[in-house]
Protein backbone atom coordinates (compact mmCIF):
# COMPACT_ATOMS: atom_id res chain seq x y z
CA MET A 1 120.35 215.63 251.15
CA PHE A 2 121.08 217.41 248.37
CA PRO A 3 117.83 220.04 246.78
CA ALA A 4 116.57 218.88 243.34
CA PRO A 5 117.72 221.50 240.95
CA PRO A 6 115.32 223.84 239.62
CA SER A 7 114.37 222.71 236.48
CA VAL A 8 113.57 219.46 237.62
CA MET A 9 111.27 220.98 240.84
CA THR A 10 107.69 221.34 240.29
CA SER A 11 105.47 223.95 241.62
CA PRO A 12 101.88 225.01 240.52
CA LYS A 13 103.65 228.27 239.28
CA GLY A 14 106.09 226.14 236.63
CA SER A 15 102.87 223.39 235.16
CA ARG A 16 100.63 226.80 234.71
CA ALA A 17 103.39 228.05 232.84
CA GLN A 18 103.89 225.00 230.66
CA LYS A 19 100.20 224.95 229.68
CA LEU A 20 100.15 228.35 228.87
CA LYS A 21 103.27 227.79 226.34
CA LEU A 22 103.02 229.49 222.56
CA PRO A 23 103.78 227.12 219.87
CA THR A 24 107.19 227.89 218.37
CA LEU A 25 109.06 228.18 214.53
CA THR A 26 111.23 225.01 214.14
CA ARG A 27 112.87 224.77 211.53
CA LYS A 28 112.93 221.39 209.42
CA GLY A 29 116.52 220.87 208.49
CA THR A 30 119.74 221.91 209.79
CA LEU A 31 120.07 226.00 210.62
CA GLU A 32 121.93 227.86 208.24
CA VAL A 33 123.95 231.47 208.55
CA PRO A 34 121.70 233.61 206.14
CA SER A 35 123.07 235.95 203.62
CA PRO A 36 123.54 239.43 204.48
CA THR A 37 120.95 240.50 201.94
CA GLU A 38 117.16 239.47 201.90
CA GLU A 39 117.41 239.91 198.64
CA ASP A 40 119.73 237.14 198.15
CA TRP A 41 117.19 234.66 200.96
CA SER A 42 115.49 231.85 199.13
CA LYS A 43 111.64 231.93 198.62
CA ASP A 44 111.72 228.22 199.79
CA ASP A 45 112.79 228.65 203.02
CA GLU A 46 109.04 229.44 203.99
CA GLU A 47 108.44 226.15 203.50
CA ASP A 48 111.26 224.70 205.93
CA TRP A 49 109.85 226.23 208.55
CA VAL A 50 106.50 225.02 210.33
CA PHE A 51 104.63 225.75 213.44
CA LYS A 52 104.86 223.42 216.77
CA GLY A 53 104.14 223.51 220.01
CA PRO A 54 106.90 223.19 222.41
CA ASP A 55 105.17 220.13 223.65
CA GLN A 56 105.35 218.58 220.12
CA GLU A 57 108.99 219.00 219.63
CA GLN A 58 109.75 215.87 222.03
CA ASP A 59 106.46 213.59 222.09
CA SER A 60 103.80 212.33 219.02
CA LEU A 61 100.42 211.50 219.21
CA PRO A 62 100.28 208.24 220.09
CA GLN A 63 98.16 205.85 218.19
CA PRO A 64 95.43 205.73 216.79
CA TYR A 65 95.05 209.34 217.00
CA ARG A 66 98.33 209.85 214.75
CA MET A 67 96.18 207.43 212.12
CA ILE A 68 93.02 209.76 212.70
CA ASN A 69 95.32 212.68 212.08
CA LYS A 70 96.91 211.60 208.95
CA LEU A 71 93.61 210.53 207.73
CA VAL A 72 91.99 214.00 208.44
CA ASN A 73 95.01 215.66 206.52
CA PHE A 74 94.51 213.44 203.53
CA LEU A 75 91.13 214.28 203.65
CA PHE A 76 91.45 217.89 203.42
CA ASP A 77 93.87 217.72 200.90
CA HIS A 78 92.20 215.62 198.25
CA SER A 79 89.37 218.00 199.03
CA TRP A 80 91.13 220.57 198.22
CA GLU A 81 92.95 219.38 194.89
CA ILE A 82 89.22 218.70 193.79
CA ILE A 83 88.14 221.94 194.79
CA GLU A 84 91.03 223.71 192.55
CA GLU A 85 89.75 221.20 190.21
CA ARG A 86 86.65 222.32 189.74
CA GLU A 87 87.51 226.06 189.89
CA ALA A 88 89.97 225.62 186.98
CA SER A 89 87.70 223.84 184.70
CA ARG A 90 85.04 226.45 185.64
CA LYS A 91 87.00 229.24 184.72
CA ALA A 92 88.20 227.43 181.42
CA GLU A 93 84.26 226.84 180.56
CA LEU A 94 83.91 231.07 181.24
CA SER A 95 86.70 231.89 179.12
CA ARG A 96 85.50 229.84 176.14
CA ILE A 97 83.63 231.07 173.34
CA GLN A 98 80.33 229.31 173.07
CA PRO A 99 78.74 228.85 169.89
CA THR A 100 75.42 229.87 168.47
CA ILE A 101 72.84 227.15 169.26
CA TYR A 102 69.47 226.95 167.10
CA PRO A 103 66.53 225.04 167.77
CA PRO A 104 64.99 222.34 165.35
CA LEU A 105 62.71 223.30 162.50
CA LEU A 106 60.18 220.67 162.82
CA GLU A 107 59.84 217.87 165.36
CA SER A 108 58.37 214.49 163.74
CA LYS A 109 57.51 212.01 166.20
CA ASP A 110 58.34 208.10 166.06
CA ASP A 111 55.31 205.86 166.01
CA THR A 112 57.71 202.66 165.09
CA SER A 113 56.55 200.95 168.38
CA LYS A 114 53.28 200.53 167.37
CA GLN A 115 53.75 198.45 164.50
CA THR A 116 53.14 195.44 164.71
CA THR A 117 56.38 192.70 163.94
CA CYS A 118 56.72 188.86 163.43
CA ILE A 119 58.97 187.74 165.31
CA LYS A 120 58.49 183.99 164.98
CA MET A 121 56.11 181.42 163.22
CA GLU A 122 56.01 177.99 162.98
CA ILE A 123 53.63 175.35 160.75
CA SER A 124 52.14 172.63 162.26
CA GLU A 125 53.14 169.24 160.86
CA GLY A 126 51.06 168.67 157.62
CA GLY A 127 49.84 172.45 157.58
CA ASP A 128 46.70 172.36 159.69
CA PHE A 129 47.90 174.89 161.71
CA ALA A 130 50.03 177.97 162.10
CA ALA A 131 51.57 180.16 164.98
CA PHE A 132 52.85 183.81 164.67
CA LEU A 133 54.58 185.61 167.51
CA LEU A 134 53.63 189.20 167.46
CA GLN A 135 54.91 192.21 168.81
CA GLY A 136 53.55 195.78 168.74
CA ALA A 137 53.11 198.84 171.05
CA GLY A 138 54.83 197.47 174.27
CA ASP A 139 53.22 194.52 173.90
CA ILE A 140 53.65 191.06 172.73
CA TRP A 141 51.12 187.94 172.12
CA LEU A 142 50.78 184.65 169.76
CA ASP A 143 48.12 184.56 167.55
CA VAL A 144 47.05 180.71 166.11
CA TYR A 145 45.38 180.49 162.97
CA LYS A 146 43.88 177.47 161.07
CA LEU A 147 44.71 176.66 157.78
CA PRO A 148 41.93 175.38 155.15
CA LYS A 149 44.03 173.19 153.18
CA GLU A 150 41.11 171.34 151.76
CA SER A 151 39.45 174.67 150.63
CA TRP A 152 42.70 175.57 149.04
CA LEU A 153 43.43 172.36 147.21
CA LYS A 154 39.44 173.11 145.51
CA GLU A 155 40.21 176.10 145.06
CA VAL A 156 43.51 175.86 143.05
CA GLU A 157 42.27 172.90 140.91
CA HIS A 158 39.28 174.93 140.09
CA PRO A 159 40.16 178.58 139.79
CA GLN A 160 37.89 181.01 139.21
CA LEU A 161 39.89 182.95 136.30
CA THR A 162 38.58 186.58 136.05
CA ILE A 163 41.04 187.56 132.52
CA ASN A 164 41.40 191.14 132.22
CA PRO A 165 40.31 192.57 128.46
CA LYS A 166 43.41 194.18 127.75
CA LYS A 167 45.89 191.82 129.10
CA LYS A 168 43.80 189.14 126.11
CA VAL A 169 44.17 191.37 123.64
CA ARG A 170 47.75 191.82 124.16
CA GLN A 171 47.68 188.12 124.20
CA LEU A 172 45.98 188.24 120.32
CA GLN A 173 48.18 190.71 119.18
CA LEU A 174 51.30 188.38 119.86
CA ASN A 175 49.56 185.17 118.86
CA THR A 176 49.10 186.66 115.28
CA LEU A 177 52.32 188.88 114.97
CA ASP A 178 55.04 187.40 116.85
CA PRO A 179 56.33 184.07 117.13
CA VAL A 180 55.00 181.84 119.93
CA THR A 181 57.27 179.30 121.96
CA ALA A 182 56.04 176.66 124.62
CA ASP A 183 58.28 178.52 127.05
CA ASN A 184 56.51 181.83 126.46
CA LEU A 185 52.96 180.62 126.35
CA GLU A 186 53.49 178.68 129.73
CA THR A 187 55.06 181.53 131.66
CA ASP A 188 52.17 183.85 129.98
CA ILE A 189 49.68 181.08 131.86
CA ASN A 190 51.24 180.67 135.36
CA ILE A 191 51.31 184.38 135.48
CA SER A 192 47.48 184.79 134.92
CA PHE A 193 46.95 181.96 137.15
CA ARG A 194 48.43 183.32 140.19
CA GLY A 195 47.18 186.62 139.73
CA ASP A 196 43.57 185.34 139.22
CA VAL A 197 43.31 182.39 141.87
CA LYS A 198 41.47 183.79 145.34
CA LEU A 199 43.01 181.64 148.52
CA SER A 200 40.61 181.57 151.53
CA LEU A 201 41.53 183.19 154.51
CA PRO A 202 42.78 181.38 158.13
CA VAL A 203 40.57 180.73 160.29
CA TYR A 204 41.44 182.95 163.53
CA ILE A 205 41.52 180.89 166.12
CA MET A 206 43.24 182.36 169.66
CA LYS A 207 45.20 184.55 170.70
CA ILE A 208 48.03 183.95 173.64
CA LYS A 209 49.38 186.44 176.42
CA PRO A 210 51.97 186.21 178.77
CA PRO A 211 51.02 184.89 181.93
CA LYS A 212 49.97 187.94 184.47
CA PRO A 213 52.20 188.46 187.47
CA VAL A 214 51.00 186.45 190.24
CA ALA A 215 49.24 189.14 192.66
CA GLY A 216 47.05 189.05 196.14
CA THR A 217 44.18 187.04 195.27
CA THR A 218 40.46 188.35 194.54
CA PHE A 219 38.62 185.92 196.42
CA LYS A 220 37.27 185.60 199.66
CA SER A 221 36.91 181.76 200.82
CA PRO A 222 38.68 179.29 199.52
CA LEU A 223 35.70 177.55 198.78
CA GLU A 224 35.74 180.28 195.28
CA VAL A 225 39.28 178.99 194.85
CA PHE A 226 37.72 175.59 194.35
CA ALA A 227 34.86 176.30 192.48
CA LYS A 228 37.63 178.61 190.00
CA ILE A 229 39.88 175.57 189.12
CA GLU A 230 36.88 172.67 188.97
CA ASP A 231 37.12 172.62 185.54
CA CYS A 232 40.97 171.96 185.77
CA CYS A 233 41.58 175.29 183.67
CA GLY A 234 45.09 176.76 185.02
CA LEU A 235 45.55 174.35 187.27
CA GLY A 236 49.02 174.94 188.47
CA SER A 237 49.72 178.30 186.80
CA GLY A 238 49.56 179.64 190.20
CA GLN A 239 47.12 182.08 189.35
CA ASN A 240 44.56 180.76 191.47
CA HIS A 241 45.32 181.06 195.04
CA PHE A 242 44.57 182.14 198.40
CA ILE A 243 47.39 184.18 199.28
CA LYS A 244 46.58 187.75 200.32
CA GLY A 245 48.04 191.02 198.88
CA SER A 246 49.32 192.02 202.61
CA GLN A 247 51.32 188.63 202.87
CA TRP A 248 52.70 189.36 198.89
CA GLU A 249 53.76 193.24 200.60
CA GLN A 250 55.65 191.20 203.46
CA GLN A 251 57.43 188.93 201.38
CA ALA A 252 58.89 191.29 199.35
CA ALA A 253 60.16 193.38 202.23
CA ILE A 254 61.98 190.61 204.11
CA PHE A 255 63.65 190.16 200.51
CA ASN A 256 64.27 193.75 199.83
CA ALA A 257 65.80 193.97 203.15
CA THR A 258 67.67 191.08 202.97
CA PHE A 259 69.70 191.56 199.82
CA LYS A 260 69.59 195.12 199.79
CA LYS A 261 73.42 195.55 199.23
CA TYR A 262 72.71 193.25 195.92
CA LEU A 263 68.95 195.17 194.82
CA ASP A 264 71.57 198.74 195.19
CA GLY A 265 72.32 200.23 192.27
CA GLU A 266 71.12 200.89 188.73
CA TRP A 267 68.95 198.40 186.91
CA GLU A 268 68.40 197.78 183.01
CA GLU A 269 64.28 197.95 181.95
CA GLU A 270 63.05 193.95 181.26
CA PRO A 271 62.81 192.95 177.95
CA LEU A 272 59.32 191.79 176.75
CA SER A 273 58.99 187.91 177.26
CA MET A 274 59.57 186.18 174.35
CA ALA A 275 57.67 182.76 174.01
CA THR A 276 58.58 179.55 172.71
CA PHE A 277 55.78 177.40 171.00
CA HIS A 278 55.46 173.74 169.55
CA PHE A 279 52.88 172.03 167.89
CA LEU A 280 52.27 168.38 169.53
CA LEU A 281 49.94 165.59 167.88
CA PRO A 282 47.74 163.51 170.32
CA SER A 283 49.01 161.26 172.83
CA CYS A 284 48.60 160.02 176.50
CA VAL A 285 50.46 162.80 178.26
CA ILE A 286 47.96 165.53 176.84
CA ALA A 287 44.65 165.24 178.61
CA MET A 288 41.37 165.93 175.43
CA PRO A 289 37.63 165.98 176.35
CA ALA A 290 36.09 163.19 175.13
CA GLU A 291 33.87 164.45 173.25
CA VAL A 292 37.29 165.99 171.04
CA LYS A 293 38.37 163.82 168.36
CA SER A 294 41.65 164.66 166.10
CA PRO A 295 42.83 162.55 163.49
CA PRO A 296 46.07 160.86 164.10
CA GLY A 297 48.93 162.70 162.34
CA VAL A 298 46.95 166.28 163.15
CA ALA A 299 47.80 168.39 166.20
CA CYS A 300 45.49 168.56 168.38
CA VAL A 301 47.65 170.98 171.31
CA ILE A 302 50.50 173.83 170.88
CA GLY A 303 52.42 173.96 173.86
CA VAL A 304 53.88 177.15 174.87
CA HIS A 305 56.35 178.31 177.73
CA TRP A 306 57.64 182.18 178.26
CA ILE A 307 60.88 183.55 179.24
CA GLY A 308 61.44 183.49 183.06
CA SER A 309 57.99 181.25 183.53
CA HIS A 310 58.38 177.94 185.77
CA ASN A 311 55.00 176.44 183.14
CA PHE A 312 54.57 174.70 179.96
CA PHE A 313 51.22 175.72 179.27
CA LEU A 314 49.02 173.23 176.64
CA TYR A 315 46.54 175.17 174.87
CA SER A 316 43.73 172.81 172.61
CA LEU A 317 43.62 173.73 169.08
CA ASN A 318 39.92 172.28 168.78
CA ARG A 319 38.14 175.77 169.77
CA THR A 320 36.49 178.69 168.08
CA LEU A 321 37.31 182.58 168.81
CA LYS A 322 34.45 182.73 171.17
CA ASP A 323 35.75 180.14 173.84
CA LYS A 324 38.08 181.47 176.58
CA ALA A 325 42.20 181.21 176.06
CA ASP A 326 42.58 179.19 178.58
CA PRO A 327 45.26 176.23 178.80
CA GLU A 328 43.81 173.16 178.85
CA GLY A 329 46.96 171.96 181.04
CA VAL A 330 49.88 173.37 182.87
CA TRP A 331 53.44 171.61 183.40
CA PRO A 332 54.81 173.03 186.03
CA CYS A 333 58.75 172.93 186.88
CA ALA A 334 60.82 173.66 189.50
CA ALA A 335 62.47 176.53 188.00
CA PRO A 336 62.15 178.78 184.82
CA ILE A 337 61.99 176.82 181.80
CA ALA A 338 65.29 178.53 179.67
CA VAL A 339 65.22 175.74 176.32
CA SER A 340 62.64 173.49 174.83
CA GLN A 341 62.92 171.03 171.87
CA LEU A 342 60.58 168.74 170.18
CA SER A 343 62.26 166.12 168.56
CA GLY A 344 61.26 165.67 164.63
CA CYS A 345 59.07 162.74 164.87
CA TYR A 346 57.58 164.84 167.44
CA SER A 347 57.15 162.25 169.57
CA TYR A 348 60.11 163.08 172.41
CA LEU A 349 59.84 166.71 174.20
CA VAL A 350 63.09 168.01 176.63
CA LEU A 351 62.06 170.47 178.68
CA ALA A 352 65.81 172.27 180.42
CA CYS A 353 65.15 174.69 183.09
CA GLU A 354 67.49 177.62 184.39
CA ASP A 355 68.70 175.31 186.93
CA GLY A 356 69.94 172.86 184.80
CA VAL A 357 67.90 169.99 185.12
CA LEU A 358 66.40 168.40 181.86
CA THR A 359 63.19 166.81 181.90
CA LEU A 360 62.48 163.96 179.35
CA TRP A 361 58.76 162.90 177.72
CA ASP A 362 58.10 160.37 175.60
CA LEU A 363 54.82 162.14 174.06
CA ALA A 364 53.81 158.87 171.92
CA GLU A 365 53.61 156.41 174.87
CA GLY A 366 52.51 159.05 176.90
CA LEU A 367 55.55 158.48 179.85
CA SER A 368 58.22 160.65 181.32
CA LEU A 369 61.81 159.23 180.46
CA GLY A 370 63.02 160.50 183.74
CA VAL A 371 64.89 163.39 184.92
CA ILE A 372 68.76 164.15 184.66
CA ALA A 373 70.85 167.22 185.67
CA LEU A 374 74.12 168.97 183.95
CA PRO A 375 77.16 169.30 185.59
CA GLU A 376 77.87 172.38 188.33
CA ARG A 377 77.60 175.69 186.52
CA CYS A 378 76.77 174.46 183.27
CA LEU A 379 73.46 175.82 181.72
CA CYS A 380 71.55 174.58 178.87
CA GLN A 381 71.93 176.70 175.46
CA SER A 382 70.46 174.65 172.84
CA ILE A 383 68.93 171.09 172.56
CA HIS A 384 69.74 168.34 169.35
CA PHE A 385 67.97 165.59 168.81
CA LEU A 386 69.65 162.49 166.86
CA LYS A 387 67.90 159.69 164.90
CA TYR A 388 68.09 156.83 167.35
CA PHE A 389 71.60 154.38 166.47
CA LEU A 390 72.62 151.32 167.70
CA VAL A 391 76.83 150.26 167.93
CA HIS A 392 77.31 146.89 165.97
CA LYS A 393 80.66 145.22 165.56
CA GLY A 394 82.01 148.75 166.09
CA GLN A 395 79.94 151.02 163.77
CA ASN A 396 76.59 153.60 164.02
CA MET A 397 74.30 151.52 162.52
CA TYR A 398 70.01 152.75 162.67
CA PRO A 399 68.00 150.18 163.21
CA GLU A 400 65.68 148.79 160.23
CA GLY A 401 62.15 148.89 162.23
CA PRO A 402 60.63 151.06 164.72
CA VAL A 403 61.89 151.66 167.66
CA LYS A 404 59.99 152.78 170.81
CA SER A 405 61.01 154.99 174.18
CA GLN A 406 64.68 155.48 172.96
CA MET A 407 66.44 158.98 172.78
CA LYS A 408 69.28 160.15 172.19
CA CYS A 409 69.95 164.37 172.40
CA VAL A 410 73.28 166.22 172.29
CA VAL A 411 73.17 169.47 174.58
CA LEU A 412 74.91 172.45 174.30
CA CYS A 413 75.58 174.37 177.36
CA THR A 414 75.91 178.34 177.75
CA ASP A 415 80.11 177.07 178.58
CA ALA A 416 80.68 175.62 175.19
CA SER A 417 80.42 172.29 176.81
CA LEU A 418 78.77 169.19 174.89
CA HIS A 419 77.31 166.30 176.21
CA LEU A 420 75.20 163.27 175.25
CA VAL A 421 71.89 162.23 176.85
CA ALA A 422 70.84 158.86 176.35
CA ALA A 423 67.32 157.99 178.01
CA THR A 424 65.25 154.24 177.94
CA GLY A 425 62.08 153.78 179.37
CA THR A 426 62.66 151.35 181.49
CA GLN A 427 66.09 152.82 182.60
CA ARG A 428 67.57 155.82 184.14
CA PRO A 429 68.71 158.55 181.29
CA THR A 430 72.46 158.85 181.18
CA LEU A 431 74.74 162.14 180.27
CA SER A 432 77.98 161.50 178.81
CA VAL A 433 80.58 164.49 177.97
CA LEU A 434 81.68 164.98 174.69
CA VAL A 435 83.81 168.13 174.94
CA GLU A 436 84.79 170.13 177.93
CA ARG A 437 84.98 173.49 178.49
CA PRO A 438 87.45 175.38 177.31
CA VAL A 439 90.12 176.99 179.31
CA LYS A 440 93.64 177.75 177.29
CA HIS A 441 92.20 177.77 174.19
CA LEU A 442 88.81 180.24 173.86
CA ASP A 443 88.70 180.26 170.12
CA GLU A 444 87.96 176.70 169.99
CA ALA A 445 84.65 177.12 171.95
CA ILE A 446 81.78 175.49 170.26
CA CYS A 447 79.28 177.81 168.91
CA ALA A 448 76.77 175.86 166.90
CA VAL A 449 75.87 172.35 166.82
CA ALA A 450 74.35 170.06 163.76
CA PRO A 451 73.01 166.64 163.81
CA VAL A 452 73.69 164.79 160.51
CA GLN A 453 70.87 162.47 159.79
CA ALA A 454 73.12 160.55 157.05
CA LEU A 455 75.49 159.76 159.07
CA PRO A 456 74.35 157.20 162.08
CA GLY A 457 75.98 158.99 165.24
CA MET A 458 77.49 161.96 164.28
CA VAL A 459 76.94 165.65 164.05
CA LEU A 460 78.70 169.04 162.55
CA ILE A 461 80.70 170.86 165.22
CA PHE A 462 81.09 174.47 164.38
CA SER A 463 83.87 176.46 166.33
CA SER A 464 85.03 180.49 166.83
CA ASN A 465 87.46 179.87 164.86
CA GLY A 466 85.81 179.09 161.97
CA SER A 467 86.64 175.33 161.89
CA VAL A 468 84.15 172.70 161.27
CA HIS A 469 84.83 169.38 162.73
CA LEU A 470 82.36 166.21 162.45
CA MET A 471 82.12 164.30 165.82
CA ASP A 472 80.87 160.47 166.31
CA VAL A 473 79.12 160.99 169.73
CA ALA A 474 79.41 157.03 170.30
CA LYS A 475 83.22 157.23 170.65
CA PRO A 476 83.39 160.47 171.03
CA GLN A 477 86.13 161.33 169.08
CA ILE A 478 87.00 163.80 165.72
CA VAL A 479 86.55 161.82 162.76
CA CYS A 480 87.24 164.16 160.06
CA ALA A 481 86.74 168.30 159.45
CA PHE A 482 85.52 170.58 156.40
CA ALA A 483 86.52 173.77 155.13
CA PRO A 484 86.19 176.07 152.28
CA PRO A 485 89.31 177.24 150.08
CA ARG A 486 91.81 179.17 151.38
CA SER A 487 91.03 182.16 149.73
CA TYR A 488 87.43 181.97 151.62
CA HIS A 489 86.91 181.95 155.73
CA LEU A 490 84.12 182.50 157.63
CA ALA A 491 83.28 186.04 158.14
CA VAL A 492 81.25 185.46 161.46
CA PRO A 493 82.60 182.45 162.61
CA TRP A 494 80.97 182.27 165.96
CA LYS A 495 77.36 182.62 163.72
CA PRO A 496 77.82 180.08 160.97
CA VAL A 497 75.43 180.39 158.18
CA PHE A 498 74.75 176.41 157.01
CA GLY A 499 72.21 174.26 156.16
CA VAL A 500 72.15 170.32 156.25
CA SER A 501 70.18 168.30 154.77
CA LEU A 502 67.93 166.07 156.38
CA HIS A 503 67.29 163.29 152.94
CA HIS A 504 70.51 163.66 151.52
CA PRO A 505 73.78 163.09 152.94
CA CYS A 506 75.39 166.81 152.34
CA PHE A 507 75.37 170.11 153.70
CA LEU A 508 75.68 173.77 152.82
CA LEU A 509 78.36 176.57 154.68
CA ARG A 510 78.43 180.08 153.55
CA GLY A 511 82.10 181.59 152.74
CA ASP A 512 83.45 184.59 152.55
CA HIS A 513 86.49 186.37 150.25
CA PRO A 514 88.92 188.11 152.46
CA ASP A 515 89.92 189.80 149.95
CA GLU A 516 87.18 191.53 149.14
CA ILE A 517 85.90 192.42 152.37
CA GLY A 518 87.68 194.84 153.49
CA SER A 519 86.82 196.74 150.34
CA ALA A 520 83.44 196.49 150.38
CA SER A 521 81.50 199.40 151.66
CA GLN A 522 78.32 198.11 152.67
CA ALA A 523 77.72 194.82 154.35
CA GLU A 524 75.43 193.79 151.50
CA ASP A 525 77.84 194.31 149.03
CA ILE A 526 79.87 191.92 150.81
CA PRO A 527 80.71 189.05 148.16
CA ASN A 528 79.83 185.61 149.40
CA SER A 529 79.93 181.79 148.26
CA ILE A 530 77.71 178.48 149.19
CA PHE A 531 79.71 175.89 149.16
CA TYR A 532 78.50 172.36 148.79
CA PHE A 533 79.93 169.13 150.84
CA ASN A 534 78.34 165.62 150.01
CA PHE A 535 79.66 163.02 152.83
CA GLU A 536 79.93 160.46 150.23
CA ALA A 537 82.05 161.91 147.86
CA TYR A 538 84.40 161.53 151.07
CA PRO A 539 86.22 158.14 151.02
CA LEU A 540 86.50 158.01 154.69
CA LEU A 541 82.76 158.86 154.89
CA GLU A 542 81.27 157.02 152.13
CA GLN A 543 80.61 153.45 153.52
CA ILE A 544 79.48 155.02 156.58
CA SER A 545 76.50 156.63 154.30
CA ARG A 546 75.71 153.77 152.32
CA ASN A 547 75.87 151.23 155.15
CA CYS A 548 74.07 152.80 157.59
CA THR A 549 71.01 150.59 158.60
CA ILE A 550 71.02 147.26 160.69
CA PRO A 551 68.48 144.41 159.09
CA GLN A 552 65.86 143.75 161.75
CA ALA A 553 66.53 140.22 162.01
CA ASN A 554 70.02 140.74 162.99
CA VAL A 555 68.75 143.39 165.99
CA LEU A 556 66.70 140.68 167.47
CA ASP A 557 68.92 138.00 167.11
CA ASP A 558 71.50 140.14 168.60
CA THR A 559 71.38 139.47 173.20
CA THR A 560 73.09 142.87 172.74
CA PHE A 561 70.00 144.84 172.10
CA PRO A 562 67.54 143.89 174.22
CA GLN A 563 65.88 147.51 174.98
CA VAL A 564 64.70 148.03 171.01
CA LEU A 565 62.65 144.89 171.34
CA PRO A 566 59.25 144.92 172.19
CA LEU A 567 58.18 144.39 175.60
CA GLU A 568 56.19 141.12 175.14
CA GLU A 569 58.89 139.94 172.51
CA ARG A 570 61.82 140.94 175.94
CA CYS A 571 59.42 138.93 178.27
CA GLU A 572 59.07 135.56 176.00
CA ASN A 573 63.15 135.38 175.36
CA PHE A 574 63.32 135.80 179.15
CA PHE A 575 60.73 133.20 180.02
CA GLN A 576 62.59 130.80 177.64
CA LYS A 577 66.10 131.05 178.73
CA ARG A 578 64.73 130.81 182.08
CA PHE A 579 63.18 127.20 181.47
CA GLN A 580 66.25 125.98 179.07
CA LYS A 581 68.66 127.10 181.14
CA PRO A 582 68.38 126.24 184.99
CA VAL A 583 69.44 127.91 187.57
CA LYS A 584 71.54 126.53 190.63
CA ASN A 585 72.37 129.09 192.54
CA LYS A 586 69.55 130.15 194.68
CA VAL A 587 70.39 134.15 194.88
CA LYS A 588 70.27 134.40 191.11
CA GLU A 589 67.18 132.60 190.61
CA GLN A 590 65.29 135.01 193.46
CA GLU A 591 66.62 137.69 191.35
CA HIS A 592 65.38 136.28 188.17
CA TRP A 593 61.86 136.23 189.92
CA THR A 594 62.30 139.51 190.55
CA ARG A 595 63.04 140.53 187.29
CA LEU A 596 59.89 138.30 186.00
CA GLN A 597 57.86 140.23 188.41
CA ARG A 598 58.86 143.33 187.23
CA TYR A 599 58.38 142.80 183.58
CA SER A 600 54.97 141.29 183.95
CA LEU A 601 53.82 144.23 185.72
CA LEU A 602 55.45 146.30 183.17
CA LEU A 603 53.35 143.99 180.38
CA GLN A 604 50.10 144.96 182.73
CA ARG A 605 50.49 148.49 182.37
CA GLU A 606 51.04 148.66 178.63
CA ASN A 607 48.06 146.29 177.92
CA LEU A 608 45.72 148.79 180.25
CA LYS A 609 47.66 151.85 177.78
CA LYS A 610 46.14 150.08 174.89
């Protein structure tokens, strides 16, 4: 056996010597012979030398310590860069010459928020009532007035003229010295007439404010809650409940803890809640006190919903200012109401919620036409009612007689998709896609829609690129397009200015001259033109506009339109067909009897309503 070499042998002294080893100066690159004079030495040689421990020359740190070492070094380097940058900016700011600062001479406080501004107004059918949505002093509310039409008619027919003496002398001088024409005489009479007539002021009915946030209850027992809602005022609004304030606080704490990562950050101040309101005619859906009798054709209720609210409130118009402005009825929805629209005939109402669900109401007949949901991720932007039409021999036509519980409307979604909703009293509502959401050509996104009453089943579609198309919603397909002359275009294509006539086959469109827009210094100086389009002037649309009504006799004889017939006539036709054609199949006979029982129940319900 040979003894081990001295370098390999271990001893306590050797291990102690290894622990006491000092770090050595190691060169990064290869060794080179330096120049004889120190002045020729490179100044960058210092960067080529690093301090390393004797053990580090052979072994490196294991993972994950190497990664930690790199992260710590990166943190120190990044911090040092920030410190140097701040120090440099501080020195630059100190070396900069500061300008002389002058204080303001006067201070004028803005009192503009206290001014009352009218945001929206609406007048009922027949002009009996008017509602104004006002905003001021950080608050918003709805004022409702009753218009004294009968008094105004009497005051206009028998005006109390108070002629100014100076004005009378001037008129006499004109009559004696200057030749007087009929036009001048009419002008003088009209001016004095308008200035002297004094009309009665509208009658202030009520002031409607946004609903208060739901807070903890002030009731001490459930009996007090039931006593509060005994008269059904505010039933369903959520204000009268028996939930304590501590329970609301616990629920809020749980919510904040669950969604803390989404709630952290800067939040913008919530804007004032806006209101949408409609004047509604008497119907079976709207519950009114027995002693209140409204004449037919006169609005009796105003329906209001606020942004972010689930409820559609109904306020009676037969009240005085002394009465409390409590709602007579509340229609709660599962989600906040985003859009509401009332048809031009005041018979149909659509409530569109923020979850994409549409609720369809037939106010005239007093029944719900159903509930339907838009496709996923489609939210309602606007609703446009169409005058009900039928497809007869491939052509859209209006029925000559009245139609009940038949509704069609076009829904424009926020993703620029367009949908057609059709509802019948005895069937489920249907939904069909007219225009898909644009994916590739975003400039073709629909920004506005307008129904054309003169052409059955036709709507005008305005796109973001400035194009205007006429669409047949029954097929659906584009019929034609409209455009101003080439020297004009729409200045704001995504917000076009147009008007479609309800009684005449025409529409107006505003166009701007591109050559003069750039030279105009102010917006009001931009020249624009109003272009007139008549549907009957174009050969393709002339026949559609003039032959768009189908006689009632043809509708009754045609078996393809059973939905437009009254319920009594549908039952009578069913009985006639049932006894004229015997049914051999027992299964079909059972189906016929089931349908007969269904029609009988519907007939009984209609008789009970009458």
